[in-house]
Protein backbone atom coordinates (compact mmCIF):
# COMPACT_ATOMS: atom_id res chain seq x y z
CA MET A 1 0.00 0.00 0.00
CA THR A 2 1.32 3.43 -0.95
CA ALA A 3 1.68 6.02 1.78
CA PRO A 4 -0.39 9.17 1.39
CA ALA A 5 1.24 11.96 -0.59
CA THR A 6 2.51 14.99 1.24
CA VAL A 7 2.46 18.55 -0.04
CA PRO A 8 4.95 18.81 -2.89
CA ALA A 9 7.98 20.93 -1.98
CA ILE A 10 7.28 23.29 -4.87
CA ASP A 11 3.90 24.16 -3.26
CA ARG A 12 5.37 24.91 0.17
CA PRO A 13 6.58 28.30 1.39
CA LEU A 14 10.11 29.13 0.30
CA PRO A 15 12.83 27.99 2.70
CA LYS A 16 15.23 30.54 4.16
CA SER A 17 17.56 31.91 1.50
CA TYR A 18 21.28 32.09 2.09
CA LEU A 19 22.22 33.56 -1.28
CA THR A 20 23.00 37.24 -1.15
CA ASP A 21 21.06 39.58 -3.40
CA ALA A 22 24.25 40.04 -5.44
CA GLU A 23 24.77 36.28 -5.85
CA ARG A 24 21.15 35.78 -6.85
CA ALA A 25 21.28 38.69 -9.34
CA GLN A 26 24.52 37.40 -10.87
CA ARG A 27 23.12 33.90 -11.35
CA LEU A 28 19.95 35.26 -12.92
CA ALA A 29 21.98 37.55 -15.20
CA GLU A 30 24.01 34.52 -16.28
CA GLY A 31 20.79 32.74 -17.25
CA SER A 32 20.46 30.27 -14.39
CA THR A 33 17.33 28.16 -14.63
CA GLU A 34 14.89 27.86 -11.78
CA ASN A 35 16.28 24.39 -11.09
CA ALA A 36 19.83 25.73 -10.96
CA MET A 37 18.72 28.44 -8.54
CA PHE A 38 17.19 25.82 -6.24
CA LEU A 39 20.46 23.87 -6.29
CA ALA A 40 22.47 27.04 -5.58
CA GLU A 41 20.17 27.89 -2.68
CA SER A 42 20.55 24.36 -1.33
CA ARG A 43 24.32 24.58 -1.49
CA ALA A 44 24.36 28.00 0.18
CA ALA A 45 22.12 26.74 2.99
CA GLY A 46 24.38 23.74 3.45
CA ARG A 47 27.46 25.96 3.64
CA ALA A 48 25.65 28.02 6.29
CA GLY A 49 25.00 24.85 8.30
CA ASP A 50 21.21 24.88 7.82
CA GLU A 51 20.59 21.27 6.83
CA ASP A 52 16.80 21.65 6.92
CA ALA A 53 16.82 24.56 4.48
CA SER A 54 19.37 22.79 2.31
CA TRP A 55 17.11 19.74 1.95
CA ALA A 56 14.03 21.93 1.49
CA TRP A 57 15.68 23.79 -1.42
CA LEU A 58 16.91 20.54 -2.92
CA ALA A 59 13.42 19.05 -2.73
CA ARG A 60 12.14 21.92 -4.91
CA ALA A 61 14.50 20.96 -7.74
CA GLU A 62 13.66 18.45 -10.45
CA MET A 63 15.88 15.51 -9.60
CA PRO A 64 17.00 12.83 -12.06
CA ALA A 65 15.52 9.38 -11.49
CA HIS A 66 18.85 7.81 -10.51
CA THR A 67 19.44 10.54 -7.92
CA LEU A 68 16.10 9.85 -6.24
CA ARG A 69 16.83 6.13 -6.36
CA PHE A 70 20.08 6.68 -4.48
CA LEU A 71 18.39 9.09 -2.07
CA LYS A 72 15.82 6.39 -1.33
CA HIS A 73 18.67 3.99 -0.54
CA ARG A 74 20.41 6.51 1.74
CA ARG A 75 17.49 8.26 3.47
CA GLY A 76 14.46 6.07 2.79
CA ALA A 77 11.20 6.41 0.93
CA GLU A 78 9.49 8.23 3.79
CA PHE A 79 12.14 10.97 3.72
CA ILE A 80 11.44 11.56 0.03
CA ARG A 81 7.73 11.78 0.75
CA GLU A 82 8.09 14.00 3.83
CA MET A 83 10.35 16.44 2.02
CA GLY A 84 7.96 16.56 -0.94
CA PHE A 85 10.41 15.58 -3.68
CA ASP A 86 8.81 15.35 -7.12
CA THR A 87 9.14 11.71 -8.17
CA THR A 88 7.67 12.10 -11.66
CA LEU A 89 10.91 11.29 -13.51
CA ALA A 90 11.63 8.30 -11.26
CA ASP A 91 8.05 7.07 -11.65
CA GLN A 92 8.54 7.14 -15.42
CA GLU A 93 11.93 5.43 -15.23
CA PHE A 94 11.23 2.78 -12.58
CA GLY A 95 7.44 2.46 -12.76
CA GLU A 96 4.66 3.54 -10.45
CA GLY A 97 5.20 2.33 -6.91
CA TRP A 98 9.00 2.12 -7.17
CA LEU A 99 9.32 4.04 -3.94
CA ASP A 100 7.58 1.24 -2.02
CA LYS A 101 9.38 -1.67 -3.67
CA GLU A 102 12.64 -3.27 -2.64
CA ASP A 103 15.39 -2.14 -4.99
CA PRO A 104 17.45 -5.06 -6.33
CA LEU A 105 20.38 -2.75 -7.10
CA PHE A 106 20.86 -1.87 -3.43
CA LYS A 107 19.67 -5.15 -1.92
CA ARG A 108 23.12 -6.71 -2.26
CA TRP A 109 24.67 -3.83 -0.26
CA ALA A 110 22.13 -3.84 2.54
């Protein structure tokens, strides 16, 4: 049985920003995508020692399927749900329900 969905990260209030206005303006002037801005914010929060904000910014980004698969292995399916990561790409790659299934790739390392 699939656990109930949480509010997607993209629909939650913005986490605390650790990028300066100058850093943000420079990235935007250089043509950074929204996804790249989320990753930059995550990195800046991590450098500032705010792990919660770092994860919250990362959860707003569109993550490749293999990245979410590894995150599931490291932090668990419930973490992905609680943080509100968008699993659309992983659902397409691994099939609906992948988050609740045992992953044969990581089973041998468990």
